[in-house]
Amino acid sequence: MIASLFLLSGIATSVAAAAMPDQVHDGAVALQARRQGRLLPLPEIERRVVPTMRDAQYIGFDLEMPSGIYTLKFLRDGAVIWVDVDGRTGQVLGRTGR
């Protein structure tokens, strides 16, 4: 049983490690785009969007690269709302949830 736990732990670690290069690459691409002025900084995106989401709690974001689309996540009355924002222009592209 202990051997099984170590085996599962090793598999989980290997899977996590295999996923890391893509995450690191995406982070580097995002940082480069930000430095080159091709992507607005997160605080600017938040400054534009968070105040428009009255009565909702801001819970975080994702940034999809290479598209440069920020997805801001909010919680209202137990429901999650996603707001997609073009990271180049700051324009809200869409919203899902209530």
Protein backbone atom coordinates (compact mmCIF):
# COMPACT_ATOMS: atom_id res chain seq x y z
CA MET A 1 0.00 0.00 0.00
CA ILE A 2 2.81 2.43 0.86
CA ALA A 3 4.54 1.48 -2.37
CA SER A 4 1.32 2.32 -4.24
CA LEU A 5 1.20 5.72 -2.59
CA PHE A 6 4.79 6.44 -3.59
CA LEU A 7 4.06 5.30 -7.13
CA LEU A 8 0.98 7.55 -7.38
CA SER A 9 2.91 10.42 -5.86
CA GLY A 10 5.68 9.95 -8.40
CA ILE A 11 3.20 9.88 -11.28
CA ALA A 12 1.50 13.05 -10.04
CA THR A 13 4.86 14.78 -9.70
CA SER A 14 5.88 13.71 -13.20
CA VAL A 15 2.61 14.96 -14.68
CA ALA A 16 2.95 18.30 -12.88
CA ALA A 17 6.56 18.68 -14.00
CA ALA A 18 5.63 17.86 -17.59
CA ALA A 19 3.01 20.63 -17.54
CA MET A 20 5.41 23.25 -16.19
CA PRO A 21 7.36 24.04 -19.39
CA ASP A 22 4.18 25.25 -21.17
CA GLN A 23 3.21 27.39 -18.18
CA VAL A 24 6.68 28.87 -17.98
CA HIS A 25 6.69 29.48 -21.74
CA ASP A 26 3.25 31.17 -21.62
CA GLY A 27 4.42 33.35 -18.73
CA ALA A 28 7.52 34.37 -20.65
CA VAL A 29 5.44 35.15 -23.75
CA ALA A 30 3.03 37.24 -21.67
CA LEU A 31 5.88 39.13 -20.00
CA GLN A 32 7.49 39.84 -23.36
CA ALA A 33 4.17 41.04 -24.82
CA ARG A 34 3.65 43.31 -21.80
CA ARG A 35 7.16 44.78 -22.09
CA GLN A 36 6.67 45.40 -25.80
CA GLY A 37 3.40 47.21 -25.16
CA ARG A 38 1.32 44.58 -26.95
CA LEU A 39 -0.55 43.61 -23.76
CA LEU A 40 -2.08 45.84 -21.12
CA PRO A 41 -1.00 45.15 -17.54
CA LEU A 42 -3.43 43.28 -15.30
CA PRO A 43 -3.98 46.27 -12.93
CA GLU A 44 -5.18 48.33 -15.91
CA ILE A 45 -7.60 45.59 -16.97
CA GLU A 46 -8.86 45.24 -13.38
CA ARG A 47 -9.27 49.02 -13.04
CA ARG A 48 -11.53 49.03 -16.07
CA VAL A 49 -13.61 45.93 -15.36
CA VAL A 50 -13.92 45.35 -11.59
CA PRO A 51 -15.96 48.54 -10.88
CA THR A 52 -18.51 47.50 -13.52
CA MET A 53 -19.26 44.26 -11.66
CA ARG A 54 -21.35 45.66 -8.83
CA ASP A 55 -22.43 43.24 -6.10
CA ALA A 56 -19.89 40.66 -7.30
CA GLN A 57 -16.70 39.57 -5.59
CA TYR A 58 -13.59 39.55 -7.76
CA ILE A 59 -11.86 36.19 -7.27
CA GLY A 60 -9.05 36.14 -9.83
CA PHE A 61 -8.04 35.92 -13.46
CA ASP A 62 -6.53 33.77 -16.17
CA LEU A 63 -4.49 34.99 -19.11
CA GLU A 64 -4.61 32.94 -22.27
CA MET A 65 -1.60 33.20 -24.50
CA PRO A 66 -0.91 33.76 -27.32
CA SER A 67 -4.40 35.30 -27.79
CA GLY A 68 -3.82 37.76 -24.95
CA ILE A 69 -7.33 37.32 -23.56
CA TYR A 70 -7.78 37.93 -19.86
CA THR A 71 -10.65 36.11 -18.17
CA LEU A 72 -11.63 37.82 -14.93
CA LYS A 73 -13.64 35.67 -12.51
CA PHE A 74 -16.31 36.99 -10.19
CA LEU A 75 -18.67 35.41 -7.67
CA ARG A 76 -22.24 36.63 -7.17
CA ASP A 77 -24.87 34.78 -5.14
CA GLY A 78 -22.90 31.53 -5.40
CA ALA A 79 -22.61 31.76 -9.19
CA VAL A 80 -19.33 32.28 -11.06
CA ILE A 81 -19.25 34.97 -13.74
CA TRP A 82 -16.44 35.12 -16.31
CA VAL A 83 -15.63 38.32 -18.14
CA ASP A 84 -13.37 37.99 -21.19
CA VAL A 85 -11.26 41.04 -21.99
CA ASP A 86 -8.97 41.71 -24.94
CA GLY A 87 -5.57 42.24 -23.33
CA ARG A 88 -4.40 44.43 -26.18
CA THR A 89 -7.27 46.95 -26.11
CA GLY A 90 -8.98 46.45 -22.76
CA GLN A 91 -12.30 45.92 -24.54
CA VAL A 92 -14.76 43.52 -22.87
CA LEU A 93 -15.39 40.71 -25.35
CA GLY A 94 -18.09 38.86 -23.51
CA ARG A 95 -19.49 37.64 -20.23
CA THR A 96 -20.79 34.27 -19.13
CA GLY A 97 -22.77 33.48 -16.01
CA ARG A 98 -25.36 35.69 -14.40
